[in-house]
PDB file of N, CA and C in Angstrom:
ATOM      1  N   UNK A   1      12.499  15.829  -0.372  1.00  0.00           N
ATOM      2  CA  UNK A   1      13.774  15.256   0.336  1.00  0.00           C
ATOM      3  C   UNK A   1      13.607  14.517   1.562  1.00  0.00           C
ATOM      4  N   UNK A   2      12.705  14.953   2.376  1.00  0.00           N
ATOM      5  CA  UNK A   2      12.680  14.576   3.628  1.00  0.00           C
ATOM      6  C   UNK A   2      11.989  12.948   3.658  1.00  0.00           C
ATOM      7  N   UNK A   3      11.208  12.878   2.466  1.00  0.00           N
ATOM      8  CA  UNK A   3      10.474  11.522   2.484  1.00  0.00           C
ATOM      9  C   UNK A   3      11.698  10.770   2.051  1.00  0.00           C
ATOM     10  N   UNK A   4      12.750  10.878   0.951  1.00  0.00           N
ATOM     11  CA  UNK A   4      13.702  10.153   0.797  1.00  0.00           C
ATOM     12  C   UNK A   4      14.548   9.600   2.103  1.00  0.00           C
ATOM     13  N   UNK A   5      14.974  10.864   2.840  1.00  0.00           N
ATOM     14  CA  UNK A   5      15.736  10.774   4.052  1.00  0.00           C
ATOM     15  C   UNK A   5      14.867   9.701   4.950  1.00  0.00           C
ATOM     16  N   UNK A   6      13.601  10.011   5.168  1.00  0.00           N
ATOM     17  CA  UNK A   6      12.960   9.198   5.923  1.00  0.00           C
ATOM     18  C   UNK A   6      12.751   7.708   5.525  1.00  0.00           C
ATOM     19  N   UNK A   7      12.890   7.284   4.336  1.00  0.00           N
ATOM     20  CA  UNK A   7      13.073   6.053   3.462  1.00  0.00           C
ATOM     21  C   UNK A   7      14.360   5.223   3.785  1.00  0.00           C
ATOM     22  N   UNK A   8      15.490   6.246   3.614  1.00  0.00           N
ATOM     23  CA  UNK A   8      16.811   5.814   4.043  1.00  0.00           C
ATOM     24  C   UNK A   8      17.042   5.294   5.654  1.00  0.00           C
ATOM     25  N   UNK A   9      16.295   6.438   6.382  1.00  0.00           N
ATOM     26  CA  UNK A   9      16.545   6.017   7.665  1.00  0.00           C
ATOM     27  C   UNK A   9      15.809   4.720   8.151  1.00  0.00           C
ATOM     28  N   UNK A  10      14.502   4.621   7.583  1.00  0.00           N
ATOM     29  CA  UNK A  10      13.914   3.526   7.963  1.00  0.00           C
ATOM     30  C   UNK A  10      14.378   2.193   7.434  1.00  0.00           C
ATOM     31  N   UNK A  11      15.122   2.236   6.401  1.00  0.00           N
ATOM     32  CA  UNK A  11      15.758   0.937   5.765  1.00  0.00           C
ATOM     33  C   UNK A  11      16.726   0.448   6.794  1.00  0.00           C
ATOM     34  N   UNK A  12      17.488   1.441   6.936  1.00  0.00           N
ATOM     35  CA  UNK A  12      18.793   1.366   7.905  1.00  0.00           C
ATOM     36  C   UNK A  12      18.454   0.918   9.288  1.00  0.00           C
ATOM     37  N   UNK A  13      17.616   1.030   9.668  1.00  0.00           N
ATOM     38  CA  UNK A  13      16.934   0.954  11.228  1.00  0.00           C
ATOM     39  C   UNK A  13      16.459  -0.607  11.183  1.00  0.00           C
ATOM     40  N   UNK A  14      15.736  -0.644  10.007  1.00  0.00           N
ATOM     41  CA  UNK A  14      15.148  -2.108   9.613  1.00  0.00           C
ATOM     42  C   UNK A  14      16.206  -3.050   9.594  1.00  0.00           C
ATOM     43  N   UNK A  15      17.604  -2.794   8.828  1.00  0.00           N
ATOM     44  CA  UNK A  15      18.374  -3.715   8.804  1.00  0.00           C
ATOM     45  C   UNK A  15      19.190  -4.018  10.098  1.00  0.00           C
ATOM     46  N   UNK A  16      19.346  -2.923  10.894  1.00  0.00           N
ATOM     47  CA  UNK A  16      20.022  -3.168  12.082  1.00  0.00           C
ATOM     48  C   UNK A  16      19.237  -3.735  13.248  1.00  0.00           C
ATOM     49  N   UNK A  17      17.980  -3.382  13.500  1.00  0.00           N
ATOM     50  CA  UNK A  17      17.190  -3.865  14.480  1.00  0.00           C
ATOM     51  C   UNK A  17      16.668  -5.272  13.877  1.00  0.00           C
ATOM     52  N   UNK A  18      16.410  -5.603  12.811  1.00  0.00           N
ATOM     53  CA  UNK A  18      15.925  -6.810  12.511  1.00  0.00           C
ATOM     54  C   UNK A  18      14.595  -6.943  13.170  1.00  0.00           C
ATOM     55  N   UNK A  19      13.584  -6.490  12.824  1.00  0.00           N
ATOM     56  CA  UNK A  19      12.180  -6.710  13.433  1.00  0.00           C
ATOM     57  C   UNK A  19      11.717  -7.989  13.146  1.00  0.00           C
ATOM     58  N   UNK A  20      11.084  -8.638  14.216  1.00  0.00           N
ATOM     59  CA  UNK A  20      10.487 -10.084  13.807  1.00  0.00           C
ATOM     60  C   UNK A  20       8.966  -9.753  13.684  1.00  0.00           C
ATOM     61  N   UNK A  21       8.102 -10.232  12.723  1.00  0.00           N
ATOM     62  CA  UNK A  21       6.774 -10.151  12.593  1.00  0.00           C
ATOM     63  C   UNK A  21       6.381 -11.354  13.306  1.00  0.00           C
ATOM     64  N   UNK A  22       5.241 -11.023  14.262  1.00  0.00           N
ATOM     65  CA  UNK A  22       4.741 -12.258  15.069  1.00  0.00           C
ATOM     66  C   UNK A  22       3.712 -12.896  13.939  1.00  0.00           C
ATOM     67  N   UNK A  23       3.666 -14.432  14.224  1.00  0.00           N
ATOM     68  CA  UNK A  23       3.126 -15.374  13.122  1.00  0.00           C
ATOM     69  C   UNK A  23       1.557 -15.145  12.963  1.00  0.00           C
ATOM     70  N   UNK A  24       1.015 -14.361  14.078  1.00  0.00           N
ATOM     71  CA  UNK A  24      -0.484 -14.098  13.902  1.00  0.00           C
ATOM     72  C   UNK A  24      -0.504 -13.134  12.870  1.00  0.00           C
ATOM     73  N   UNK A  25       0.010 -12.095  12.270  1.00  0.00           N
ATOM     74  CA  UNK A  25      -0.237 -11.158  11.390  1.00  0.00           C
ATOM     75  C   UNK A  25       0.711 -11.455  10.301  1.00  0.00           C
ATOM     76  N   UNK A  26       1.390 -12.622  10.141  1.00  0.00           N
ATOM     77  CA  UNK A  26       2.100 -12.767   8.870  1.00  0.00           C
ATOM     78  C   UNK A  26       1.290 -12.802   7.629  1.00  0.00           C
ATOM     79  N   UNK A  27       0.143 -13.446   7.876  1.00  0.00           N
ATOM     80  CA  UNK A  27      -0.696 -13.713   6.479  1.00  0.00           C
ATOM     81  C   UNK A  27      -1.169 -12.247   6.111  1.00  0.00           C
ATOM     82  N   UNK A  28      -1.365 -11.456   6.772  1.00  0.00           N
ATOM     83  CA  UNK A  28      -1.891 -10.198   6.583  1.00  0.00           C
ATOM     84  C   UNK A  28      -1.070  -9.114   5.999  1.00  0.00           C
ATOM     85  N   UNK A  29       0.346  -9.189   6.478  1.00  0.00           N
ATOM     86  CA  UNK A  29       1.702  -8.231   6.171  1.00  0.00           C
ATOM     87  C   UNK A  29       1.636  -8.155   4.495  1.00  0.00           C
ATOM     88  N   UNK A  30       1.751  -9.253   3.547  1.00  0.00           N
ATOM     89  CA  UNK A  30       1.677  -8.915   2.177  1.00  0.00           C
ATOM     90  C   UNK A  30       0.558  -7.931   1.565  1.00  0.00           C
ATOM     91  N   UNK A  31      -0.599  -8.215   2.108  1.00  0.00           N
ATOM     92  CA  UNK A  31      -1.847  -7.534   1.777  1.00  0.00           C
ATOM     93  C   UNK A  31      -1.861  -6.201   2.359  1.00  0.00           C
ATOM     94  N   UNK A  32      -1.065  -5.862   3.475  1.00  0.00           N
ATOM     95  CA  UNK A  32      -1.085  -4.670   4.033  1.00  0.00           C
ATOM     96  C   UNK A  32      -0.106  -3.797   3.258  1.00  0.00           C
ATOM     97  N   UNK A  33       1.226  -4.257   2.886  1.00  0.00           N
ATOM     98  CA  UNK A  33       2.004  -4.009   2.150  1.00  0.00           C
ATOM     99  C   UNK A  33       1.409  -3.380   0.545  1.00  0.00           C
ATOM    100  N   UNK A  34       0.717  -3.980  -0.021  1.00  0.00           N
ATOM    101  CA  UNK A  34       0.218  -3.744  -1.445  1.00  0.00           C
ATOM    102  C   UNK A  34      -0.914  -2.697  -1.180  1.00  0.00           C
ATOM    103  N   UNK A  35      -1.701  -2.710  -0.050  1.00  0.00           N
ATOM    104  CA  UNK A  35      -2.571  -1.641   0.046  1.00  0.00           C
ATOM    105  C   UNK A  35      -1.995  -0.459   0.376  1.00  0.00           C
ATOM    106  N   UNK A  36      -0.784  -0.403   0.978  1.00  0.00           N
ATOM    107  CA  UNK A  36      -0.012   0.804   1.164  1.00  0.00           C
ATOM    108  C   UNK A  36       0.552   1.519  -0.051  1.00  0.00           C
ATOM    109  N   UNK A  37       1.040   0.507  -0.972  1.00  0.00           N
ATOM    110  CA  UNK A  37       1.620   0.861  -2.006  1.00  0.00           C
ATOM    111  C   UNK A  37       0.602   1.445  -2.976  1.00  0.00           C
ATOM    112  N   UNK A  38      -0.836   0.957  -2.915  1.00  0.00           N
ATOM    113  CA  UNK A  38      -1.862   1.702  -3.592  1.00  0.00           C
ATOM    114  C   UNK A  38      -1.867   3.019  -3.369  1.00  0.00           C
ATOM    115  N   UNK A  39      -1.924   3.139  -1.754  1.00  0.00           N
ATOM    116  CA  UNK A  39      -2.191   4.886  -1.397  1.00  0.00           C
ATOM    117  C   UNK A  39      -0.988   5.476  -1.808  1.00  0.00           C
ATOM    118  N   UNK A  40       0.317   5.080  -1.867  1.00  0.00           N
ATOM    119  CA  UNK A  40       1.497   5.785  -2.275  1.00  0.00           C
ATOM    120  C   UNK A  40       1.500   6.139  -3.749  1.00  0.00           C
ATOM    121  N   UNK A  41       1.125   5.154  -4.531  1.00  0.00           N
ATOM    122  CA  UNK A  41       0.938   5.497  -5.904  1.00  0.00           C
ATOM    123  C   UNK A  41      -0.263   6.565  -6.169  1.00  0.00           C
ATOM    124  N   UNK A  42      -1.236   6.514  -5.459  1.00  0.00           N
ATOM    125  CA  UNK A  42      -2.294   7.325  -5.528  1.00  0.00           C
ATOM    126  C   UNK A  42      -1.978   8.926  -5.117  1.00  0.00           C
ATOM    127  N   UNK A  43      -1.318   8.728  -4.124  1.00  0.00           N
ATOM    128  CA  UNK A  43      -0.602  10.025  -3.474  1.00  0.00           C
ATOM    129  C   UNK A  43       0.443  10.776  -4.614  1.00  0.00           C
ATOM    130  N   UNK A  44       1.121   9.791  -5.021  1.00  0.00           N
ATOM    131  CA  UNK A  44       1.992  10.419  -6.170  1.00  0.00           C
ATOM    132  C   UNK A  44       1.062  10.891  -7.488  1.00  0.00           C
ATOM    133  N   UNK A  45       0.329  10.286  -7.806  1.00  0.00           N
ATOM    134  CA  UNK A  45      -0.580  10.844  -8.981  1.00  0.00           C
ATOM    135  C   UNK A  45      -1.143  12.224  -8.424  1.00  0.00           C
ATOM    136  N   UNK A  46      -1.840  11.886  -7.293  1.00  0.00           N
ATOM    137  CA  UNK A  46      -2.415  13.285  -6.927  1.00  0.00           C
ATOM    138  C   UNK A  46      -1.415  14.452  -6.827  1.00  0.00           C
ATOM    139  N   UNK A  47      -0.348  14.295  -6.465  1.00  0.00           N
ATOM    140  CA  UNK A  47       0.536  15.250  -6.193  1.00  0.00           C
ATOM    141  C   UNK A  47       1.079  15.766  -7.780  1.00  0.00           C
ATOM    142  N   UNK A  48       1.320  14.992  -8.706  1.00  0.00           N
ATOM    143  CA  UNK A  48       1.675  15.349 -10.028  1.00  0.00           C
ATOM    144  C   UNK A  48       0.634  16.161 -10.981  1.00  0.00           C
ATOM    145  N   UNK A  49      -0.881  15.724 -10.198  1.00  0.00           N
ATOM    146  CA  UNK A  49      -2.088  16.079 -10.923  1.00  0.00           C
ATOM    147  C   UNK A  49      -2.383  17.581 -10.149  1.00  0.00           C
ATOM    148  N   UNK A  50      -1.520  18.083  -9.248  1.00  0.00           N
ATOM    149  CA  UNK A  50      -1.723  19.238  -8.227  1.00  0.00           C
ATOM    150  C   UNK A  50      -2.909  18.963  -7.471  1.00  0.00           C
ATOM    151  N   UNK A  51      -3.646  18.174  -7.031  1.00  0.00           N
ATOM    152  CA  UNK A  51      -4.529  17.920  -6.068  1.00  0.00           C
ATOM    153  C   UNK A  51      -4.161  16.977  -4.678  1.00  0.00           C
ATOM    154  N   UNK A  52      -2.966  17.232  -4.540  1.00  0.00           N
ATOM    155  CA  UNK A  52      -2.594  16.147  -3.242  1.00  0.00           C
ATOM    156  C   UNK A  52      -2.978  17.139  -2.026  1.00  0.00           C
ATOM    157  N   UNK A  53      -3.420  16.300  -0.935  1.00  0.00           N
ATOM    158  CA  UNK A  53      -4.030  16.842   0.166  1.00  0.00           C
ATOM    159  C   UNK A  53      -3.468  15.743   1.326  1.00  0.00           C
ATOM    160  N   UNK A  54      -2.484  16.142   2.074  1.00  0.00           N
ATOM    161  CA  UNK A  54      -1.930  15.259   3.143  1.00  0.00           C
ATOM    162  C   UNK A  54      -3.048  14.546   4.182  1.00  0.00           C
ATOM    163  N   UNK A  55      -3.914  15.204   4.403  1.00  0.00           N
ATOM    164  CA  UNK A  55      -5.154  14.492   5.182  1.00  0.00           C
ATOM    165  C   UNK A  55      -5.436  13.495   4.331  1.00  0.00           C
ATOM    166  N   UNK A  56      -5.996  13.566   3.163  1.00  0.00           N
ATOM    167  CA  UNK A  56      -6.532  12.530   2.336  1.00  0.00           C
ATOM    168  C   UNK A  56      -5.556  11.549   2.200  1.00  0.00           C
ATOM    169  N   UNK A  57      -4.458  11.841   2.042  1.00  0.00           N
ATOM    170  CA  UNK A  57      -3.100  10.708   1.803  1.00  0.00           C
ATOM    171  C   UNK A  57      -3.506   9.870   3.090  1.00  0.00           C
ATOM    172  N   UNK A  58      -3.176  10.466   4.072  1.00  0.00           N
ATOM    173  CA  UNK A  58      -3.047   9.711   5.606  1.00  0.00           C
ATOM    174  C   UNK A  58      -4.355   8.842   5.716  1.00  0.00           C
ATOM    175  N   UNK A  59      -5.539   9.477   5.369  1.00  0.00           N
ATOM    176  CA  UNK A  59      -6.702   8.606   5.805  1.00  0.00           C
ATOM    177  C   UNK A  59      -6.725   7.210   4.583  1.00  0.00           C
ATOM    178  N   UNK A  60      -6.391   7.864   3.429  1.00  0.00           N
ATOM    179  CA  UNK A  60      -6.290   6.795   2.394  1.00  0.00           C
ATOM    180  C   UNK A  60      -5.471   5.477   2.846  1.00  0.00           C
ATOM    181  N   UNK A  61      -3.893   6.302   3.243  1.00  0.00           N
ATOM    182  CA  UNK A  61      -3.031   4.985   3.602  1.00  0.00           C
ATOM    183  C   UNK A  61      -3.466   4.062   5.073  1.00  0.00           C
ATOM    184  N   UNK A  62      -4.099   4.758   5.695  1.00  0.00           N
ATOM    185  CA  UNK A  62      -4.436   3.962   6.792  1.00  0.00           C
ATOM    186  C   UNK A  62      -5.831   2.882   6.532  1.00  0.00           C
ATOM    187  N   UNK A  63      -6.805   3.570   6.112  1.00  0.00           N
ATOM    188  CA  UNK A  63      -7.896   3.006   5.739  1.00  0.00           C
ATOM    189  C   UNK A  63      -7.652   1.730   4.491  1.00  0.00           C
ATOM    190  N   UNK A  64      -6.821   1.738   3.671  1.00  0.00           N
ATOM    191  CA  UNK A  64      -6.388   1.008   2.608  1.00  0.00           C
ATOM    192  C   UNK A  64      -5.933  -0.396   3.482  1.00  0.00           C
ATOM    193  N   UNK A  65      -4.950   0.124   4.324  1.00  0.00           N
ATOM    194  CA  UNK A  65      -4.227  -1.072   5.062  1.00  0.00           C
ATOM    195  C   UNK A  65      -5.288  -1.932   5.881  1.00  0.00           C
ATOM    196  N   UNK A  66      -6.153  -1.115   6.797  1.00  0.00           N
ATOM    197  CA  UNK A  66      -7.099  -1.566   7.697  1.00  0.00           C
ATOM    198  C   UNK A  66      -8.060  -2.370   6.951  1.00  0.00           C
ATOM    199  N   UNK A  67      -8.882  -1.678   5.866  1.00  0.00           N
ATOM    200  CA  UNK A  67      -9.885  -2.609   5.156  1.00  0.00           C
ATOM    201  C   UNK A  67      -9.372  -3.874   4.293  1.00  0.00           C
ATOM    202  N   UNK A  68      -8.040  -3.578   3.827  1.00  0.00           N
ATOM    203  CA  UNK A  68      -7.276  -4.861   3.068  1.00  0.00           C
ATOM    204  C   UNK A  68      -7.246  -6.030   3.902  1.00  0.00           C
ATOM    205  N   UNK A  69      -6.769  -5.783   5.210  1.00  0.00           N
ATOM    206  CA  UNK A  69      -6.416  -6.660   6.414  1.00  0.00           C
ATOM    207  C   UNK A  69      -7.791  -7.273   6.928  1.00  0.00           C
ATOM    208  N   UNK A  70      -8.832  -6.352   7.077  1.00  0.00           N
ATOM    209  CA  UNK A  70      -9.937  -6.975   7.538  1.00  0.00           C
ATOM    210  C   UNK A  70     -10.628  -7.707   6.527  1.00  0.00           C
ATOM    211  N   UNK A  71     -10.522  -7.600   5.232  1.00  0.00           N
ATOM    212  CA  UNK A  71     -11.408  -8.479   4.396  1.00  0.00           C
ATOM    213  C   UNK A  71     -10.475  -9.820   4.632  1.00  0.00           C
ATOM    214  N   UNK A  72      -9.252  -9.864   4.211  1.00  0.00           N
ATOM    215  CA  UNK A  72      -8.473 -11.010   4.458  1.00  0.00           C
ATOM    216  C   UNK A  72      -8.579 -11.799   5.816  1.00  0.00           C
ATOM    217  N   UNK A  73      -8.718 -11.004   6.947  1.00  0.00           N
ATOM    218  CA  UNK A  73      -9.128 -11.798   8.270  1.00  0.00           C
ATOM    219  C   UNK A  73     -10.643 -12.334   8.303  1.00  0.00           C
ATOM    220  N   UNK A  74     -11.498 -11.432   7.767  1.00  0.00           N
ATOM    221  CA  UNK A  74     -12.717 -12.309   7.401  1.00  0.00           C
ATOM    222  C   UNK A  74     -12.786 -13.308   6.640  1.00  0.00           C
ATOM    223  N   UNK A  75     -12.056 -13.454   5.667  1.00  0.00           N
ATOM    224  CA  UNK A  75     -11.864 -14.419   4.700  1.00  0.00           C
ATOM    225  C   UNK A  75     -11.339 -15.854   5.309  1.00  0.00           C
ATOM    226  N   UNK A  76     -10.170 -15.535   6.218  1.00  0.00           N
ATOM    227  CA  UNK A  76      -9.472 -16.575   6.814  1.00  0.00           C
ATOM    228  C   UNK A  76     -10.598 -17.196   8.023  1.00  0.00           C
ATOM    229  N   UNK A  77     -11.492 -16.489   8.708  1.00  0.00           N
ATOM    230  CA  UNK A  77     -12.411 -16.873   9.676  1.00  0.00           C
ATOM    231  C   UNK A  77     -13.477 -17.565   8.711  1.00  0.00           C
ATOM    232  N   UNK A  78     -13.998 -17.249   7.523  1.00  0.00           N
ATOM    233  CA  UNK A  78     -14.771 -17.991   6.858  1.00  0.00           C
ATOM    234  C   UNK A  78     -14.405 -19.100   6.015  1.00  0.00           C
ATOM    235  N   UNK A  79     -13.038 -19.365   5.920  1.00  0.00           N
ATOM    236  CA  UNK A  79     -12.335 -20.543   5.408  1.00  0.00           C
ATOM    237  C   UNK A  79     -12.148 -20.212   3.886  1.00  0.00           C
ATOM    238  N   UNK A  80     -12.334 -19.093   3.482  1.00  0.00           N
ATOM    239  CA  UNK A  80     -11.999 -18.551   2.164  1.00  0.00           C
ATOM    240  C   UNK A  80     -10.803 -17.640   1.951  1.00  0.00           C
ATOM    241  N   UNK A  81     -10.034 -17.518   3.016  1.00  0.00           N
ATOM    242  CA  UNK A  81      -9.040 -16.591   2.858  1.00  0.00           C
ATOM    243  C   UNK A  81      -8.068 -16.392   1.813  1.00  0.00           C
ATOM    244  N   UNK A  82      -7.732 -17.498   1.103  1.00  0.00           N
ATOM    245  CA  UNK A  82      -6.679 -17.380   0.045  1.00  0.00           C
ATOM    246  C   UNK A  82      -7.515 -16.951  -1.327  1.00  0.00           C
ATOM    247  N   UNK A  83      -8.771 -17.010  -1.372  1.00  0.00           N
ATOM    248  CA  UNK A  83      -9.630 -16.506  -2.506  1.00  0.00           C
ATOM    249  C   UNK A  83      -9.625 -14.998  -2.406  1.00  0.00           C
ATOM    250  N   UNK A  84      -9.978 -14.593  -1.157  1.00  0.00           N
ATOM    251  CA  UNK A  84      -9.995 -13.285  -0.615  1.00  0.00           C
ATOM    252  C   UNK A  84      -8.852 -12.445  -0.887  1.00  0.00           C
ATOM    253  N   UNK A  85      -7.498 -13.169  -0.309  1.00  0.00           N
ATOM    254  CA  UNK A  85      -6.407 -12.585  -0.589  1.00  0.00           C
ATOM    255  C   UNK A  85      -6.044 -12.333  -2.077  1.00  0.00           C
ATOM    256  N   UNK A  86      -6.272 -13.262  -2.864  1.00  0.00           N
ATOM    257  CA  UNK A  86      -6.308 -13.020  -4.253  1.00  0.00           C
ATOM    258  C   UNK A  86      -7.014 -11.805  -4.832  1.00  0.00           C
ATOM    259  N   UNK A  87      -8.287 -11.886  -4.472  1.00  0.00           N
ATOM    260  CA  UNK A  87      -9.184 -10.797  -4.752  1.00  0.00           C
ATOM    261  C   UNK A  87      -8.691  -9.276  -4.642  1.00  0.00           C
ATOM    262  N   UNK A  88      -8.210  -9.170  -3.271  1.00  0.00           N
ATOM    263  CA  UNK A  88      -7.904  -7.844  -2.885  1.00  0.00           C
ATOM    264  C   UNK A  88      -6.672  -7.700  -3.457  1.00  0.00           C
ATOM    265  N   UNK A  89      -5.612  -8.444  -3.938  1.00  0.00           N
ATOM    266  CA  UNK A  89      -4.261  -8.254  -4.633  1.00  0.00           C
ATOM    267  C   UNK A  89      -4.653  -7.893  -5.932  1.00  0.00           C
ATOM    268  N   UNK A  90      -5.627  -8.553  -6.742  1.00  0.00           N
ATOM    269  CA  UNK A  90      -6.166  -8.045  -8.160  1.00  0.00           C
ATOM    270  C   UNK A  90      -6.583  -6.806  -8.014  1.00  0.00           C
ATOM    271  N   UNK A  91      -7.545  -6.441  -6.912  1.00  0.00           N
ATOM    272  CA  UNK A  91      -8.301  -5.271  -7.281  1.00  0.00           C
ATOM    273  C   UNK A  91      -7.147  -3.968  -6.788  1.00  0.00           C
ATOM    274  N   UNK A  92      -6.004  -4.365  -6.057  1.00  0.00           N
ATOM    275  CA  UNK A  92      -5.437  -3.185  -5.546  1.00  0.00           C
ATOM    276  C   UNK A  92      -4.214  -3.375  -6.735  1.00  0.00           C
ATOM    277  N   UNK A  93      -4.011  -4.219  -7.263  1.00  0.00           N
ATOM    278  CA  UNK A  93      -3.059  -4.411  -8.337  1.00  0.00           C
ATOM    279  C   UNK A  93      -3.490  -3.397  -9.718  1.00  0.00           C
ATOM    280  N   UNK A  94      -4.902  -3.565  -9.844  1.00  0.00           N
ATOM    281  CA  UNK A  94      -5.377  -2.999 -10.994  1.00  0.00           C
ATOM    282  C   UNK A  94      -5.181  -1.351 -10.723  1.00  0.00           C
ATOM    283  N   UNK A  95      -5.748  -0.728  -9.161  1.00  0.00           N
ATOM    284  CA  UNK A  95      -5.339   0.571  -9.059  1.00  0.00           C
ATOM    285  C   UNK A  95      -3.899   0.797  -9.134  1.00  0.00           C
ATOM    286  N   UNK A  96      -3.026   0.033  -8.489  1.00  0.00           N
ATOM    287  CA  UNK A  96      -1.717   0.158  -8.629  1.00  0.00           C
ATOM    288  C   UNK A  96      -1.139   0.797 -10.051  1.00  0.00           C
ATOM    289  N   UNK A  97      -1.590  -0.534 -11.118  1.00  0.00           N
ATOM    290  CA  UNK A  97      -1.171  -0.090 -12.435  1.00  0.00           C
ATOM    291  C   UNK A  97      -1.789   1.247 -13.357  1.00  0.00           C
ATOM    292  N   UNK A  98      -3.181   1.254 -12.984  1.00  0.00           N
ATOM    293  CA  UNK A  98      -3.604   2.546 -13.351  1.00  0.00           C
ATOM    294  C   UNK A  98      -3.185   3.824 -12.946  1.00  0.00           C
ATOM    295  N   UNK A  99      -2.851   3.981 -11.598  1.00  0.00           N
ATOM    296  CA  UNK A  99      -2.130   5.243 -11.053  1.00  0.00           C
ATOM    297  C   UNK A  99      -0.690   5.339 -11.662  1.00  0.00           C
ATOM    298  N   UNK A 100      -0.028   3.893 -11.930  1.00  0.00           N
ATOM    299  CA  UNK A 100       1.186   4.102 -12.669  1.00  0.00           C
ATOM    300  C   UNK A 100       1.214   4.595 -14.085  1.00  0.00           C
ATOM    301  N   UNK A 101       0.294   4.201 -14.730  1.00  0.00           N
ATOM    302  CA  UNK A 101      -0.149   4.496 -15.994  1.00  0.00           C
ATOM    303  C   UNK A 101      -0.275   5.954 -15.966  1.00  0.00           C
ATOM    304  N   UNK A 102      -1.189   6.382 -15.126  1.00  0.00           N
ATOM    305  CA  UNK A 102      -1.279   8.029 -15.053  1.00  0.00           C
ATOM    306  C   UNK A 102      -0.025   8.929 -14.782  1.00  0.00           C
ATOM    307  N   UNK A 103       0.678   8.293 -14.055  1.00  0.00           N
ATOM    308  CA  UNK A 103       2.095   8.852 -13.510  1.00  0.00           C
ATOM    309  C   UNK A 103       2.963   8.746 -14.754  1.00  0.00           C
ATOM    310  N   UNK A 104       3.048   7.791 -15.593  1.00  0.00           N
ATOM    311  CA  UNK A 104       3.796   7.678 -16.869  1.00  0.00           C
ATOM    312  C   UNK A 104       3.338   8.759 -17.708  1.00  0.00           C
ATOM    313  N   UNK A 105       2.063   8.967 -17.678  1.00  0.00           N
ATOM    314  CA  UNK A 105       1.591   9.703 -19.225  1.00  0.00           C
ATOM    315  C   UNK A 105       1.653  11.306 -18.551  1.00  0.00           C
ATOM    316  N   UNK A 106       1.654  11.453 -17.138  1.00  0.00           N
ATOM    317  CA  UNK A 106       2.228  13.006 -16.553  1.00  0.00           C
ATOM    318  C   UNK A 106       3.832  13.091 -16.854  1.00  0.00           C
ATOM    319  N   UNK A 107       4.455  12.215 -16.290  1.00  0.00           N
ATOM    320  CA  UNK A 107       6.031  12.488 -16.523  1.00  0.00           C
ATOM    321  C   UNK A 107       6.522  12.611 -18.076  1.00  0.00           C
ATOM    322  N   UNK A 108       6.024  11.711 -18.783  1.00  0.00           N
ATOM    323  CA  UNK A 108       6.726  11.333 -20.012  1.00  0.00           C
ATOM    324  C   UNK A 108       5.814  12.380 -21.054  1.00  0.00           C
ATOM    325  N   UNK A 109       4.520  12.886 -20.738  1.00  0.00           N
ATOM    326  CA  UNK A 109       3.751  13.603 -21.532  1.00  0.00           C
ATOM    327  C   UNK A 109       3.331  12.575 -22.781  1.00  0.00           C
ATOM    328  N   UNK A 110       3.118  11.415 -22.401  1.00  0.00           N
ATOM    329  CA  UNK A 110       2.311  10.202 -23.274  1.00  0.00           C
ATOM    330  C   UNK A 110       1.558   9.741 -22.862  1.00  0.00           C
TER     331      UNK A 110
END
């Protein structure tokens, strides 16, 4: 319940404050969001499997976001940012769908 309350408060604060994303980090924001979603789905799967550890979740969340952003940053510096961005999204997308399938199997016993 605390997580849902935190989500609602975060959305309301975001709508009221209207934060501005600096143009320097704009290319990395979508990749960071996908990486964060991967960690969230992994944490939900671990919770349903009964092996959730909050320390592992926090480290996974932060490391996913940082590593994904670094890969895209290096790709930009090497001139292949679009290709590496696509690669990161594909890999994280596969992980997200794999976790979503495991969550579905656990919830619906199918």
